[in-house]
């Protein structure tokens, strides 16, 4: 069998190439973890006039944990409790799926205190410094 070719792509890899990487990893994980990925779930904030998505929460399967990948509340809707409602709905969905908890990551300039008020606790950290912003990893076990 000929050796594979390593193609170095320093900027913006093709989305099909990225999908191939993910598919290869998913196939390995599914075969070796004893668990299959469940589909992701979302709670969407919609514009009241157009019904277009303007923010919300997207979570993915994390082999027994739900991973909150994205949480975004538009500026005009902040301070109305929408972030809390998004997280409450995510927790309901995660519990209904049988997950043992939620986890997420957030940067120093984002929402660590918000998540801690919701019962999340720190379990990891990437320190900041010149050219790097501190990043925090939080979990909430049910």
N, C-alpha and C. Protein backbone atom coordinates (compact mmCIF):
# COMPACT_ATOMS: atom_id res chain seq x y z
N UNK A 1 0.85 -1.18 0.00
CA UNK A 1 0.00 0.00 0.00
C UNK A 1 0.89 1.24 0.00
N UNK A 2 0.63 2.18 -0.89
CA UNK A 2 1.44 3.41 -0.94
C UNK A 2 1.21 4.25 0.32
N UNK A 3 2.21 5.00 0.71
CA UNK A 3 2.11 5.88 1.88
C UNK A 3 1.14 7.02 1.57
N UNK A 4 0.37 7.45 2.58
CA UNK A 4 -0.53 8.58 2.36
C UNK A 4 0.26 9.88 2.16
N UNK A 5 -0.39 10.84 1.54
CA UNK A 5 0.19 12.16 1.29
C UNK A 5 -0.28 13.10 2.39
N UNK A 6 0.63 13.84 2.99
CA UNK A 6 0.25 14.87 3.96
C UNK A 6 0.14 16.19 3.22
N UNK A 7 -1.05 16.77 3.22
CA UNK A 7 -1.32 18.04 2.56
C UNK A 7 -1.44 19.11 3.64
N UNK A 8 -0.48 20.01 3.73
CA UNK A 8 -0.47 21.05 4.75
C UNK A 8 -1.30 22.23 4.26
N UNK A 9 -2.33 22.59 5.03
CA UNK A 9 -3.22 23.69 4.67
C UNK A 9 -3.17 24.71 5.82
N UNK A 10 -2.35 25.75 5.70
CA UNK A 10 -2.14 26.67 6.82
C UNK A 10 -3.32 27.60 7.11
N UNK A 11 -4.21 27.79 6.16
CA UNK A 11 -5.34 28.70 6.37
C UNK A 11 -6.59 28.15 5.69
N UNK A 12 -7.72 28.20 6.40
CA UNK A 12 -9.04 27.89 5.85
C UNK A 12 -9.12 26.58 5.07
N UNK A 13 -9.02 25.44 5.77
CA UNK A 13 -9.17 24.17 5.06
C UNK A 13 -10.57 24.04 4.46
N UNK A 14 -10.67 23.30 3.40
CA UNK A 14 -11.94 23.06 2.72
C UNK A 14 -12.91 22.35 3.66
N UNK A 15 -14.17 22.76 3.64
CA UNK A 15 -15.16 22.17 4.55
C UNK A 15 -15.34 20.67 4.31
N UNK A 16 -15.19 20.21 3.08
CA UNK A 16 -15.28 18.77 2.81
C UNK A 16 -14.12 18.02 3.47
N UNK A 17 -12.94 18.62 3.48
CA UNK A 17 -11.80 18.00 4.16
C UNK A 17 -12.04 17.91 5.66
N UNK A 18 -12.58 18.97 6.24
CA UNK A 18 -12.87 18.97 7.67
C UNK A 18 -13.91 17.90 7.99
N UNK A 19 -14.95 17.80 7.16
CA UNK A 19 -15.98 16.76 7.37
C UNK A 19 -15.37 15.37 7.31
N UNK A 20 -14.40 15.16 6.42
CA UNK A 20 -13.74 13.85 6.31
C UNK A 20 -12.97 13.53 7.60
N UNK A 21 -12.32 14.53 8.17
CA UNK A 21 -11.60 14.33 9.43
C UNK A 21 -12.58 13.94 10.54
N UNK A 22 -13.67 14.69 10.64
CA UNK A 22 -14.67 14.43 11.67
C UNK A 22 -15.29 13.05 11.48
N UNK A 23 -15.60 12.69 10.24
CA UNK A 23 -16.20 11.37 9.97
C UNK A 23 -15.25 10.24 10.38
N UNK A 24 -13.96 10.41 10.11
CA UNK A 24 -12.98 9.39 10.49
C UNK A 24 -12.92 9.25 12.01
N UNK A 25 -12.89 10.37 12.72
CA UNK A 25 -12.85 10.33 14.18
C UNK A 25 -14.14 9.76 14.75
N UNK A 26 -15.30 10.18 14.20
CA UNK A 26 -16.58 9.65 14.67
C UNK A 26 -16.66 8.14 14.50
N UNK A 27 -16.21 7.64 13.35
CA UNK A 27 -16.24 6.19 13.11
C UNK A 27 -15.39 5.46 14.14
N UNK A 28 -14.21 5.97 14.42
CA UNK A 28 -13.34 5.35 15.43
C UNK A 28 -14.01 5.40 16.81
N UNK A 29 -14.51 6.58 17.20
CA UNK A 29 -15.12 6.74 18.51
C UNK A 29 -16.33 5.84 18.68
N UNK A 30 -17.18 5.78 17.67
CA UNK A 30 -18.38 4.95 17.76
C UNK A 30 -18.02 3.48 17.89
N UNK A 31 -16.98 3.04 17.19
CA UNK A 31 -16.57 1.64 17.24
C UNK A 31 -15.90 1.28 18.56
N UNK A 32 -15.27 2.25 19.22
CA UNK A 32 -14.46 1.93 20.40
C UNK A 32 -14.99 2.44 21.73
N UNK A 33 -15.99 3.31 21.72
CA UNK A 33 -16.50 3.86 22.98
C UNK A 33 -17.65 3.05 23.55
N UNK A 34 -18.29 2.25 22.71
CA UNK A 34 -19.49 1.56 23.15
C UNK A 34 -20.71 2.45 23.16
N UNK A 35 -20.56 3.68 22.67
CA UNK A 35 -21.66 4.63 22.62
C UNK A 35 -21.67 5.29 21.25
N UNK A 36 -22.84 5.52 20.73
CA UNK A 36 -22.96 6.24 19.45
C UNK A 36 -23.36 7.68 19.75
N UNK A 37 -22.82 8.60 18.96
CA UNK A 37 -23.20 10.00 19.10
C UNK A 37 -24.70 10.17 18.88
N UNK A 38 -25.32 10.94 19.76
CA UNK A 38 -26.70 11.36 19.53
C UNK A 38 -26.64 12.65 18.71
N UNK A 39 -27.70 12.97 17.99
CA UNK A 39 -27.69 14.23 17.24
C UNK A 39 -27.67 15.42 18.20
N UNK A 40 -27.15 16.53 17.73
CA UNK A 40 -27.14 17.74 18.53
C UNK A 40 -28.55 18.26 18.75
N UNK A 41 -28.67 19.24 19.66
CA UNK A 41 -29.97 19.88 19.88
C UNK A 41 -29.77 21.38 20.01
N UNK A 42 -30.85 22.12 19.82
CA UNK A 42 -30.77 23.58 19.86
C UNK A 42 -32.01 24.17 20.51
N UNK A 43 -31.84 25.34 21.06
CA UNK A 43 -32.93 26.19 21.53
C UNK A 43 -32.69 27.53 20.84
N UNK A 44 -33.61 27.92 19.98
CA UNK A 44 -33.40 29.07 19.09
C UNK A 44 -34.14 30.30 19.59
N UNK A 45 -33.48 31.45 19.52
CA UNK A 45 -34.13 32.75 19.72
C UNK A 45 -34.50 33.25 18.33
N UNK A 46 -35.78 33.55 18.13
CA UNK A 46 -36.25 34.01 16.83
C UNK A 46 -36.73 35.46 16.90
N UNK A 47 -36.48 36.19 15.84
CA UNK A 47 -36.99 37.56 15.70
C UNK A 47 -38.51 37.49 15.71
N UNK A 48 -39.19 38.33 16.51
CA UNK A 48 -40.64 38.25 16.60
C UNK A 48 -41.38 38.60 15.31
N UNK A 49 -40.77 39.42 14.43
CA UNK A 49 -41.44 39.76 13.18
C UNK A 49 -41.11 38.77 12.06
N UNK A 50 -39.85 38.49 11.87
CA UNK A 50 -39.44 37.67 10.72
C UNK A 50 -39.33 36.18 11.04
N UNK A 51 -39.27 35.84 12.31
CA UNK A 51 -39.06 34.46 12.78
C UNK A 51 -37.69 33.91 12.38
N UNK A 52 -36.80 34.77 11.91
CA UNK A 52 -35.43 34.35 11.59
C UNK A 52 -34.68 34.08 12.89
N UNK A 53 -33.80 33.10 12.86
CA UNK A 53 -32.96 32.82 14.02
C UNK A 53 -31.99 33.98 14.22
N UNK A 54 -31.93 34.49 15.45
CA UNK A 54 -31.03 35.60 15.76
C UNK A 54 -30.06 35.24 16.90
N UNK A 55 -30.20 34.07 17.45
CA UNK A 55 -29.34 33.62 18.54
C UNK A 55 -29.86 32.32 19.09
N UNK A 56 -29.30 31.90 20.20
CA UNK A 56 -29.77 30.68 20.84
C UNK A 56 -28.65 29.84 21.40
N UNK A 57 -28.94 28.56 21.56
CA UNK A 57 -28.01 27.60 22.15
C UNK A 57 -27.94 26.38 21.26
N UNK A 58 -26.73 25.87 21.06
CA UNK A 58 -26.53 24.63 20.30
C UNK A 58 -25.64 23.72 21.14
N UNK A 59 -26.08 22.49 21.32
CA UNK A 59 -25.33 21.52 22.11
C UNK A 59 -25.12 20.25 21.30
N UNK A 60 -24.03 19.56 21.60
CA UNK A 60 -23.73 18.29 20.94
C UNK A 60 -23.52 17.20 21.98
N UNK A 61 -23.53 15.97 21.49
CA UNK A 61 -23.34 14.80 22.33
C UNK A 61 -21.89 14.72 22.78
N UNK A 62 -21.69 14.34 24.01
CA UNK A 62 -20.33 14.18 24.52
C UNK A 62 -20.17 12.88 25.29
N UNK A 63 -20.72 11.79 24.74
CA UNK A 63 -20.56 10.47 25.35
C UNK A 63 -21.00 10.47 26.81
N UNK A 64 -22.26 10.76 27.01
CA UNK A 64 -22.83 10.77 28.35
C UNK A 64 -23.02 12.16 28.92
N UNK A 65 -22.37 13.13 28.32
CA UNK A 65 -22.51 14.53 28.71
C UNK A 65 -23.03 15.32 27.50
N UNK A 66 -23.81 16.36 27.76
CA UNK A 66 -24.17 17.30 26.70
C UNK A 66 -23.15 18.44 26.72
N UNK A 67 -22.58 18.76 25.57
CA UNK A 67 -21.60 19.84 25.45
C UNK A 67 -22.28 21.06 24.87
N UNK A 68 -22.37 22.14 25.65
CA UNK A 68 -22.92 23.40 25.16
C UNK A 68 -21.85 24.03 24.28
N UNK A 69 -22.02 23.89 22.99
CA UNK A 69 -21.02 24.36 22.04
C UNK A 69 -21.14 25.87 21.82
N UNK A 70 -22.36 26.36 21.68
CA UNK A 70 -22.59 27.79 21.43
C UNK A 70 -23.77 28.29 22.24
N UNK A 71 -23.63 29.47 22.82
CA UNK A 71 -24.72 30.19 23.47
C UNK A 71 -24.56 31.65 23.07
N UNK A 72 -25.55 32.20 22.39
CA UNK A 72 -25.46 33.58 21.92
C UNK A 72 -26.81 34.28 22.09
N UNK A 73 -26.79 35.39 22.82
CA UNK A 73 -27.98 36.22 22.99
C UNK A 73 -27.65 37.58 22.37
N UNK A 74 -28.43 38.03 21.37
CA UNK A 74 -28.16 39.33 20.74
C UNK A 74 -28.24 40.47 21.76
N UNK A 75 -27.46 41.50 21.52
CA UNK A 75 -27.41 42.65 22.44
C UNK A 75 -28.79 43.18 22.80
N UNK A 76 -29.68 43.30 21.82
CA UNK A 76 -30.99 43.90 22.08
C UNK A 76 -31.87 43.05 22.99
N UNK A 77 -31.52 41.79 23.21
CA UNK A 77 -32.31 40.91 24.06
C UNK A 77 -31.62 40.57 25.38
N UNK A 78 -30.44 41.13 25.62
CA UNK A 78 -29.73 40.84 26.87
C UNK A 78 -30.43 41.50 28.05
N UNK A 79 -30.26 40.90 29.21
CA UNK A 79 -30.86 41.45 30.43
C UNK A 79 -32.32 41.08 30.61
N UNK A 80 -32.85 40.20 29.77
CA UNK A 80 -34.25 39.79 29.85
C UNK A 80 -34.41 38.35 30.35
N UNK A 81 -33.32 37.73 30.77
CA UNK A 81 -33.39 36.36 31.27
C UNK A 81 -33.34 35.29 30.20
N UNK A 82 -33.07 35.69 28.95
CA UNK A 82 -33.05 34.69 27.87
C UNK A 82 -31.90 33.70 28.01
N UNK A 83 -30.74 34.16 28.44
CA UNK A 83 -29.62 33.24 28.63
C UNK A 83 -29.96 32.16 29.64
N UNK A 84 -30.56 32.55 30.75
CA UNK A 84 -30.98 31.59 31.77
C UNK A 84 -32.02 30.62 31.20
N UNK A 85 -32.98 31.16 30.46
CA UNK A 85 -34.01 30.28 29.87
C UNK A 85 -33.41 29.30 28.89
N UNK A 86 -32.45 29.75 28.07
CA UNK A 86 -31.79 28.84 27.13
C UNK A 86 -31.11 27.70 27.89
N UNK A 87 -30.40 28.05 28.96
CA UNK A 87 -29.69 27.03 29.73
C UNK A 87 -30.66 26.09 30.45
N UNK A 88 -31.77 26.62 30.95
CA UNK A 88 -32.77 25.76 31.60
C UNK A 88 -33.36 24.77 30.61
N UNK A 89 -33.65 25.23 29.40
CA UNK A 89 -34.20 24.32 28.38
C UNK A 89 -33.16 23.28 27.96
N UNK A 90 -31.90 23.70 27.87
CA UNK A 90 -30.84 22.74 27.53
C UNK A 90 -30.73 21.67 28.61
N UNK A 91 -30.83 22.08 29.86
CA UNK A 91 -30.76 21.11 30.95
C UNK A 91 -31.93 20.13 30.88
N UNK A 92 -33.13 20.63 30.60
CA UNK A 92 -34.29 19.73 30.46
C UNK A 92 -34.06 18.71 29.35
N UNK A 93 -33.59 19.20 28.19
CA UNK A 93 -33.33 18.29 27.07
C UNK A 93 -32.25 17.27 27.42
N UNK A 94 -31.19 17.73 28.08
CA UNK A 94 -30.10 16.83 28.45
C UNK A 94 -30.57 15.76 29.43
N UNK A 95 -31.35 16.16 30.41
CA UNK A 95 -31.89 15.18 31.37
C UNK A 95 -32.79 14.17 30.67
N UNK A 96 -33.64 14.66 29.76
CA UNK A 96 -34.56 13.76 29.04
C UNK A 96 -33.79 12.75 28.19
N UNK A 97 -32.62 13.12 27.72
CA UNK A 97 -31.80 12.20 26.91
C UNK A 97 -30.98 11.25 27.78
N UNK A 98 -30.99 11.46 29.07
CA UNK A 98 -30.25 10.59 29.96
C UNK A 98 -28.80 10.97 30.18
N UNK A 99 -28.41 12.18 29.83
CA UNK A 99 -27.05 12.64 30.08
C UNK A 99 -26.81 12.77 31.58
N UNK A 100 -25.54 12.68 32.00
CA UNK A 100 -25.22 12.84 33.41
C UNK A 100 -24.93 14.30 33.77
N UNK A 101 -24.83 15.16 32.77
CA UNK A 101 -24.60 16.57 33.04
C UNK A 101 -24.33 17.36 31.77
N UNK A 102 -24.05 18.64 31.98
CA UNK A 102 -23.71 19.58 30.91
C UNK A 102 -22.27 20.05 31.14
N UNK A 103 -21.57 20.34 30.04
CA UNK A 103 -20.28 21.00 30.17
C UNK A 103 -20.13 22.01 29.06
N UNK A 104 -19.22 22.96 29.26
CA UNK A 104 -19.00 24.04 28.30
C UNK A 104 -17.65 24.67 28.55
N UNK A 105 -17.25 25.53 27.64
CA UNK A 105 -16.06 26.35 27.87
C UNK A 105 -16.41 27.80 27.56
N UNK A 106 -15.70 28.69 28.22
CA UNK A 106 -15.95 30.11 28.06
C UNK A 106 -14.64 30.87 28.25
N UNK A 107 -14.49 31.96 27.54
CA UNK A 107 -13.30 32.79 27.69
C UNK A 107 -13.49 33.81 28.81
N UNK A 108 -12.38 34.38 29.26
CA UNK A 108 -12.41 35.33 30.38
C UNK A 108 -13.37 36.50 30.12
N UNK A 109 -13.46 36.96 28.89
CA UNK A 109 -14.31 38.12 28.58
C UNK A 109 -15.77 37.74 28.36
N UNK A 110 -16.09 36.46 28.48
CA UNK A 110 -17.46 36.01 28.23
C UNK A 110 -18.25 35.87 29.53
N UNK A 111 -18.73 34.70 29.87
CA UNK A 111 -19.80 34.60 30.88
C UNK A 111 -19.54 33.63 32.03
N UNK A 112 -18.30 33.48 32.47
CA UNK A 112 -18.05 32.52 33.56
C UNK A 112 -18.94 32.77 34.78
N UNK A 113 -19.08 34.01 35.31
CA UNK A 113 -19.94 34.21 36.48
C UNK A 113 -21.40 33.81 36.23
N UNK A 114 -21.89 34.04 35.03
CA UNK A 114 -23.25 33.64 34.67
C UNK A 114 -23.42 32.13 34.83
N UNK A 115 -22.49 31.36 34.29
CA UNK A 115 -22.59 29.90 34.38
C UNK A 115 -22.45 29.42 35.82
N UNK A 116 -21.59 30.06 36.58
CA UNK A 116 -21.41 29.66 37.98
C UNK A 116 -22.69 29.92 38.78
N UNK A 117 -23.42 31.01 38.47
CA UNK A 117 -24.70 31.27 39.14
C UNK A 117 -25.72 30.18 38.83
N UNK A 118 -25.55 29.51 37.69
CA UNK A 118 -26.47 28.44 37.29
C UNK A 118 -26.03 27.08 37.84
N UNK A 119 -25.00 27.07 38.67
CA UNK A 119 -24.57 25.82 39.30
C UNK A 119 -23.41 25.11 38.63
N UNK A 120 -22.79 25.74 37.65
CA UNK A 120 -21.63 25.14 36.98
C UNK A 120 -20.39 25.35 37.85
N UNK A 121 -19.48 24.39 37.79
CA UNK A 121 -18.22 24.52 38.53
C UNK A 121 -17.04 24.30 37.60
N UNK A 122 -15.97 24.99 37.92
CA UNK A 122 -14.74 24.94 37.13
C UNK A 122 -14.10 23.56 37.26
N UNK A 123 -13.69 22.99 36.11
CA UNK A 123 -12.92 21.74 36.16
C UNK A 123 -11.64 21.81 35.35
N UNK A 124 -11.41 22.92 34.68
CA UNK A 124 -10.18 23.06 33.92
C UNK A 124 -9.99 24.49 33.47
N UNK A 125 -8.75 24.81 33.14
CA UNK A 125 -8.42 26.18 32.75
C UNK A 125 -7.20 26.19 31.85
N UNK A 126 -7.25 27.02 30.84
CA UNK A 126 -6.07 27.35 30.03
C UNK A 126 -5.71 28.78 30.39
N UNK A 127 -4.53 28.96 30.95
CA UNK A 127 -4.14 30.29 31.40
C UNK A 127 -3.90 31.23 30.22
N UNK A 128 -4.02 32.50 30.51
CA UNK A 128 -3.77 33.51 29.49
C UNK A 128 -2.33 33.99 29.56
N UNK A 129 -2.07 34.99 28.82
CA UNK A 129 -0.73 35.56 28.76
C UNK A 129 -0.61 36.34 27.48
N UNK A 130 0.60 36.67 27.11
CA UNK A 130 0.80 37.42 25.88
C UNK A 130 0.26 36.62 24.70
N UNK A 131 -0.73 37.18 24.03
CA UNK A 131 -1.31 36.54 22.85
C UNK A 131 -2.32 35.46 23.16
N UNK A 132 -2.72 35.30 24.42
CA UNK A 132 -3.70 34.26 24.78
C UNK A 132 -4.66 34.79 25.83
N UNK A 133 -5.94 34.49 25.65
CA UNK A 133 -6.98 34.87 26.60
C UNK A 133 -7.31 33.66 27.45
N UNK A 134 -7.42 33.82 28.79
CA UNK A 134 -7.77 32.68 29.63
C UNK A 134 -9.09 32.03 29.19
N UNK A 135 -9.11 30.70 29.24
CA UNK A 135 -10.28 29.92 28.85
C UNK A 135 -10.62 28.98 29.99
N UNK A 136 -11.91 28.90 30.32
CA UNK A 136 -12.36 28.12 31.46
C UNK A 136 -13.30 27.01 30.99
N UNK A 137 -13.19 25.87 31.65
CA UNK A 137 -14.02 24.70 31.35
C UNK A 137 -14.88 24.43 32.58
N UNK A 138 -16.19 24.40 32.36
CA UNK A 138 -17.12 24.26 33.48
C UNK A 138 -18.07 23.09 33.23
N UNK A 139 -18.56 22.51 34.33
CA UNK A 139 -19.50 21.39 34.23
C UNK A 139 -20.60 21.55 35.26
N UNK A 140 -21.72 20.91 34.96
CA UNK A 140 -22.83 20.82 35.91
C UNK A 140 -23.31 19.38 35.88
N UNK A 141 -23.06 18.66 36.94
CA UNK A 141 -23.47 17.26 37.04
C UNK A 141 -24.87 17.20 37.61
N UNK A 142 -25.72 16.35 37.04
CA UNK A 142 -27.10 16.23 37.52
C UNK A 142 -27.17 15.25 38.69
